[in-house]
Amino acid sequence: CFLANLDDFATFNGIYAGYFDADPPARSTVQVAKLPLGVLVEVECVALV
């Protein structure tokens, strides 16, 4: 995920963990200077269907 402020990581991590009971997908988190439309968090995912 991309965070505008790393101080939000603990909150994001808690919410993220609530969606995965076991074996969560791999991820990375980075702080960025600015996100489009002034959002604070952007999550990117890839799925095989």
PDB file of N, CA and C in Angstrom:
ATOM      1  N   CYS A   1       0.838  -1.171   0.000  1.00  0.00           N
ATOM      2  CA  CYS A   1       0.000   0.000   0.000  1.00  0.00           C
ATOM      3  C   CYS A   1       0.883   1.233   0.000  1.00  0.00           C
ATOM      4  N   PHE A   2       0.306   2.324  -0.357  1.00  0.00           N
ATOM      5  CA  PHE A   2       0.979   3.615  -0.361  1.00  0.00           C
ATOM      6  C   PHE A   2       0.303   4.479   0.694  1.00  0.00           C
ATOM      7  N   LEU A   3       1.089   5.029   1.593  1.00  0.00           N
ATOM      8  CA  LEU A   3       0.553   5.888   2.648  1.00  0.00           C
ATOM      9  C   LEU A   3       1.120   7.292   2.497  1.00  0.00           C
ATOM     10  N   ALA A   4       0.266   8.287   2.643  1.00  0.00           N
ATOM     11  CA  ALA A   4       0.724   9.666   2.622  1.00  0.00           C
ATOM     12  C   ALA A   4       1.496   9.993   3.903  1.00  0.00           C
ATOM     13  N   ASN A   5       1.216   9.253   4.980  1.00  0.00           N
ATOM     14  CA  ASN A   5       1.870   9.502   6.262  1.00  0.00           C
ATOM     15  C   ASN A   5       2.093   8.160   6.967  1.00  0.00           C
ATOM     16  N   LEU A   6       3.343   7.829   7.254  1.00  0.00           N
ATOM     17  CA  LEU A   6       3.635   6.547   7.908  1.00  0.00           C
ATOM     18  C   LEU A   6       3.080   6.460   9.325  1.00  0.00           C
ATOM     19  N   ASP A   7       2.694   7.587   9.896  1.00  0.00           N
ATOM     20  CA  ASP A   7       2.049   7.548  11.210  1.00  0.00           C
ATOM     21  C   ASP A   7       0.709   6.807  11.142  1.00  0.00           C
ATOM     22  N   ASP A   8       0.160   6.647   9.948  1.00  0.00           N
ATOM     23  CA  ASP A   8      -1.102   5.927   9.763  1.00  0.00           C
ATOM     24  C   ASP A   8      -0.902   4.420   9.613  1.00  0.00           C
ATOM     25  N   PHE A   9       0.346   3.945   9.644  1.00  0.00           N
ATOM     26  CA  PHE A   9       0.614   2.532   9.391  1.00  0.00           C
ATOM     27  C   PHE A   9      -0.066   1.617  10.405  1.00  0.00           C
ATOM     28  N   ALA A  10       0.007   1.920  11.676  1.00  0.00           N
ATOM     29  CA  ALA A  10      -0.591   1.046  12.695  1.00  0.00           C
ATOM     30  C   ALA A  10      -2.100   0.919  12.484  1.00  0.00           C
ATOM     31  N   THR A  11      -2.757   2.014  12.177  1.00  0.00           N
ATOM     32  CA  THR A  11      -4.200   1.974  11.921  1.00  0.00           C
ATOM     33  C   THR A  11      -4.498   1.151  10.682  1.00  0.00           C
ATOM     34  N   PHE A  12      -3.762   1.406   9.598  1.00  0.00           N
ATOM     35  CA  PHE A  12      -3.959   0.639   8.369  1.00  0.00           C
ATOM     36  C   PHE A  12      -3.700  -0.839   8.614  1.00  0.00           C
ATOM     37  N   ASN A  13      -2.637  -1.156   9.320  1.00  0.00           N
ATOM     38  CA  ASN A  13      -2.269  -2.546   9.579  1.00  0.00           C
ATOM     39  C   ASN A  13      -3.373  -3.272  10.349  1.00  0.00           C
ATOM     40  N   GLY A  14      -3.971  -2.611  11.315  1.00  0.00           N
ATOM     41  CA  GLY A  14      -5.062  -3.215  12.076  1.00  0.00           C
ATOM     42  C   GLY A  14      -6.280  -3.497  11.213  1.00  0.00           C
ATOM     43  N   ILE A  15      -6.630  -2.560  10.351  1.00  0.00           N
ATOM     44  CA  ILE A  15      -7.769  -2.756   9.451  1.00  0.00           C
ATOM     45  C   ILE A  15      -7.461  -3.864   8.457  1.00  0.00           C
ATOM     46  N   TYR A  16      -6.274  -3.848   7.883  1.00  0.00           N
ATOM     47  CA  TYR A  16      -5.848  -4.864   6.916  1.00  0.00           C
ATOM     48  C   TYR A  16      -5.920  -6.256   7.541  1.00  0.00           C
ATOM     49  N   ALA A  17      -5.406  -6.399   8.747  1.00  0.00           N
ATOM     50  CA  ALA A  17      -5.386  -7.697   9.427  1.00  0.00           C
ATOM     51  C   ALA A  17      -6.797  -8.229   9.664  1.00  0.00           C
ATOM     52  N   GLY A  18      -7.770  -7.349   9.813  1.00  0.00           N
ATOM     53  CA  GLY A  18      -9.146  -7.766  10.033  1.00  0.00           C
ATOM     54  C   GLY A  18      -9.779  -8.471   8.841  1.00  0.00           C
ATOM     55  N   TYR A  19      -9.182  -8.336   7.673  1.00  0.00           N
ATOM     56  CA  TYR A  19      -9.731  -8.956   6.467  1.00  0.00           C
ATOM     57  C   TYR A  19      -9.144 -10.326   6.173  1.00  0.00           C
ATOM     58  N   PHE A  20      -8.083 -10.711   6.880  1.00  0.00           N
ATOM     59  CA  PHE A  20      -7.414 -11.977   6.597  1.00  0.00           C
ATOM     60  C   PHE A  20      -7.216 -12.752   7.894  1.00  0.00           C
ATOM     61  N   ASP A  21      -7.921 -13.880   8.023  1.00  0.00           N
ATOM     62  CA  ASP A  21      -7.813 -14.691   9.236  1.00  0.00           C
ATOM     63  C   ASP A  21      -6.478 -15.421   9.312  1.00  0.00           C
ATOM     64  N   ALA A  22      -6.057 -16.002   8.201  1.00  0.00           N
ATOM     65  CA  ALA A  22      -4.804 -16.764   8.180  1.00  0.00           C
ATOM     66  C   ALA A  22      -4.156 -16.602   6.816  1.00  0.00           C
ATOM     67  N   ASP A  23      -2.859 -16.717   6.786  1.00  0.00           N
ATOM     68  CA  ASP A  23      -2.091 -16.632   5.543  1.00  0.00           C
ATOM     69  C   ASP A  23      -2.435 -15.398   4.706  1.00  0.00           C
ATOM     70  N   PRO A  24      -2.225 -14.224   5.239  1.00  0.00           N
ATOM     71  CA  PRO A  24      -2.515 -13.024   4.449  1.00  0.00           C
ATOM     72  C   PRO A  24      -1.568 -12.930   3.251  1.00  0.00           C
ATOM     73  N   PRO A  25      -1.993 -12.248   2.197  1.00  0.00           N
ATOM     74  CA  PRO A  25      -1.124 -12.112   1.036  1.00  0.00           C
ATOM     75  C   PRO A  25       0.103 -11.254   1.363  1.00  0.00           C
ATOM     76  N   ALA A  26       1.166 -11.487   0.611  1.00  0.00           N
ATOM     77  CA  ALA A  26       2.367 -10.669   0.777  1.00  0.00           C
ATOM     78  C   ALA A  26       2.037  -9.222   0.412  1.00  0.00           C
ATOM     79  N   ARG A  27       2.739  -8.297   1.030  1.00  0.00           N
ATOM     80  CA  ARG A  27       2.495  -6.888   0.727  1.00  0.00           C
ATOM     81  C   ARG A  27       3.717  -6.066   1.082  1.00  0.00           C
ATOM     82  N   SER A  28       3.716  -4.869   0.611  1.00  0.00           N
ATOM     83  CA  SER A  28       4.734  -3.901   1.000  1.00  0.00           C
ATOM     84  C   SER A  28       4.014  -2.588   1.277  1.00  0.00           C
ATOM     85  N   THR A  29       4.635  -1.761   2.082  1.00  0.00           N
ATOM     86  CA  THR A  29       4.060  -0.466   2.416  1.00  0.00           C
ATOM     87  C   THR A  29       5.138   0.588   2.253  1.00  0.00           C
ATOM     88  N   VAL A  30       4.803   1.664   1.563  1.00  0.00           N
ATOM     89  CA  VAL A  30       5.750   2.759   1.368  1.00  0.00           C
ATOM     90  C   VAL A  30       5.050   4.088   1.619  1.00  0.00           C
ATOM     91  N   GLN A  31       5.835   5.046   2.056  1.00  0.00           N
ATOM     92  CA  GLN A  31       5.316   6.396   2.211  1.00  0.00           C
ATOM     93  C   GLN A  31       5.581   7.154   0.920  1.00  0.00           C
ATOM     94  N   VAL A  32       4.592   7.905   0.474  1.00  0.00           N
ATOM     95  CA  VAL A  32       4.726   8.715  -0.732  1.00  0.00           C
ATOM     96  C   VAL A  32       4.471  10.176  -0.386  1.00  0.00           C
ATOM     97  N   ALA A  33       5.006  11.059  -1.207  1.00  0.00           N
ATOM     98  CA  ALA A  33       4.854  12.490  -0.944  1.00  0.00           C
ATOM     99  C   ALA A  33       3.410  12.956  -1.110  1.00  0.00           C
ATOM    100  N   LYS A  34       2.718  12.384  -2.109  1.00  0.00           N
ATOM    101  CA  LYS A  34       1.352  12.829  -2.381  1.00  0.00           C
ATOM    102  C   LYS A  34       0.629  11.751  -3.168  1.00  0.00           C
ATOM    103  N   LEU A  35      -0.661  11.601  -2.893  1.00  0.00           N
ATOM    104  CA  LEU A  35      -1.503  10.655  -3.624  1.00  0.00           C
ATOM    105  C   LEU A  35      -2.572  11.425  -4.398  1.00  0.00           C
ATOM    106  N   PRO A  36      -3.076  10.852  -5.486  1.00  0.00           N
ATOM    107  CA  PRO A  36      -4.093  11.542  -6.284  1.00  0.00           C
ATOM    108  C   PRO A  36      -5.342  11.876  -5.468  1.00  0.00           C
ATOM    109  N   LEU A  37      -5.943  12.976  -5.800  1.00  0.00           N
ATOM    110  CA  LEU A  37      -7.212  13.420  -5.205  1.00  0.00           C
ATOM    111  C   LEU A  37      -7.126  13.656  -3.707  1.00  0.00           C
ATOM    112  N   GLY A  38      -5.906  13.763  -3.167  1.00  0.00           N
ATOM    113  CA  GLY A  38      -5.739  14.043  -1.748  1.00  0.00           C
ATOM    114  C   GLY A  38      -6.032  12.879  -0.824  1.00  0.00           C
ATOM    115  N   VAL A  39      -6.130  11.658  -1.375  1.00  0.00           N
ATOM    116  CA  VAL A  39      -6.398  10.505  -0.512  1.00  0.00           C
ATOM    117  C   VAL A  39      -5.196  10.223   0.376  1.00  0.00           C
ATOM    118  N   LEU A  40      -5.410   9.506   1.463  1.00  0.00           N
ATOM    119  CA  LEU A  40      -4.342   9.200   2.413  1.00  0.00           C
ATOM    120  C   LEU A  40      -3.749   7.819   2.208  1.00  0.00           C
ATOM    121  N   VAL A  41      -4.530   6.906   1.597  1.00  0.00           N
ATOM    122  CA  VAL A  41      -4.099   5.516   1.421  1.00  0.00           C
ATOM    123  C   VAL A  41      -4.472   5.051   0.019  1.00  0.00           C
ATOM    124  N   GLU A  42      -3.551   4.319  -0.603  1.00  0.00           N
ATOM    125  CA  GLU A  42      -3.856   3.652  -1.867  1.00  0.00           C
ATOM    126  C   GLU A  42      -3.398   2.210  -1.741  1.00  0.00           C
ATOM    127  N   VAL A  43      -4.276   1.286  -2.090  1.00  0.00           N
ATOM    128  CA  VAL A  43      -3.957  -0.138  -2.029  1.00  0.00           C
ATOM    129  C   VAL A  43      -3.993  -0.685  -3.449  1.00  0.00           C
ATOM    130  N   GLU A  44      -2.938  -1.384  -3.811  1.00  0.00           N
ATOM    131  CA  GLU A  44      -2.834  -1.982  -5.134  1.00  0.00           C
ATOM    132  C   GLU A  44      -2.847  -3.492  -4.973  1.00  0.00           C
ATOM    133  N   CYS A  45      -3.536  -4.194  -5.852  1.00  0.00           N
ATOM    134  CA  CYS A  45      -3.570  -5.649  -5.749  1.00  0.00           C
ATOM    135  C   CYS A  45      -3.528  -6.283  -7.132  1.00  0.00           C
ATOM    136  N   VAL A  46      -3.095  -7.528  -7.144  1.00  0.00           N
ATOM    137  CA  VAL A  46      -3.037  -8.327  -8.360  1.00  0.00           C
ATOM    138  C   VAL A  46      -3.746  -9.637  -8.063  1.00  0.00           C
ATOM    139  N   ALA A  47      -4.600 -10.076  -8.962  1.00  0.00           N
ATOM    140  CA  ALA A  47      -5.344 -11.315  -8.741  1.00  0.00           C
ATOM    141  C   ALA A  47      -5.232 -12.217  -9.963  1.00  0.00           C
ATOM    142  N   LEU A  48      -5.222 -13.488  -9.705  1.00  0.00           N
ATOM    143  CA  LEU A  48      -5.257 -14.490 -10.757  1.00  0.00           C
ATOM    144  C   LEU A  48      -6.668 -15.048 -10.795  1.00  0.00           C
ATOM    145  N   VAL A  49      -7.331 -14.912 -11.915  1.00  0.00           N
ATOM    146  CA  VAL A  49      -8.710 -15.408 -12.028  1.00  0.00           C
ATOM    147  C   VAL A  49      -8.819 -16.437 -13.133  1.00  0.00           C
TER     148      VAL A  49
END
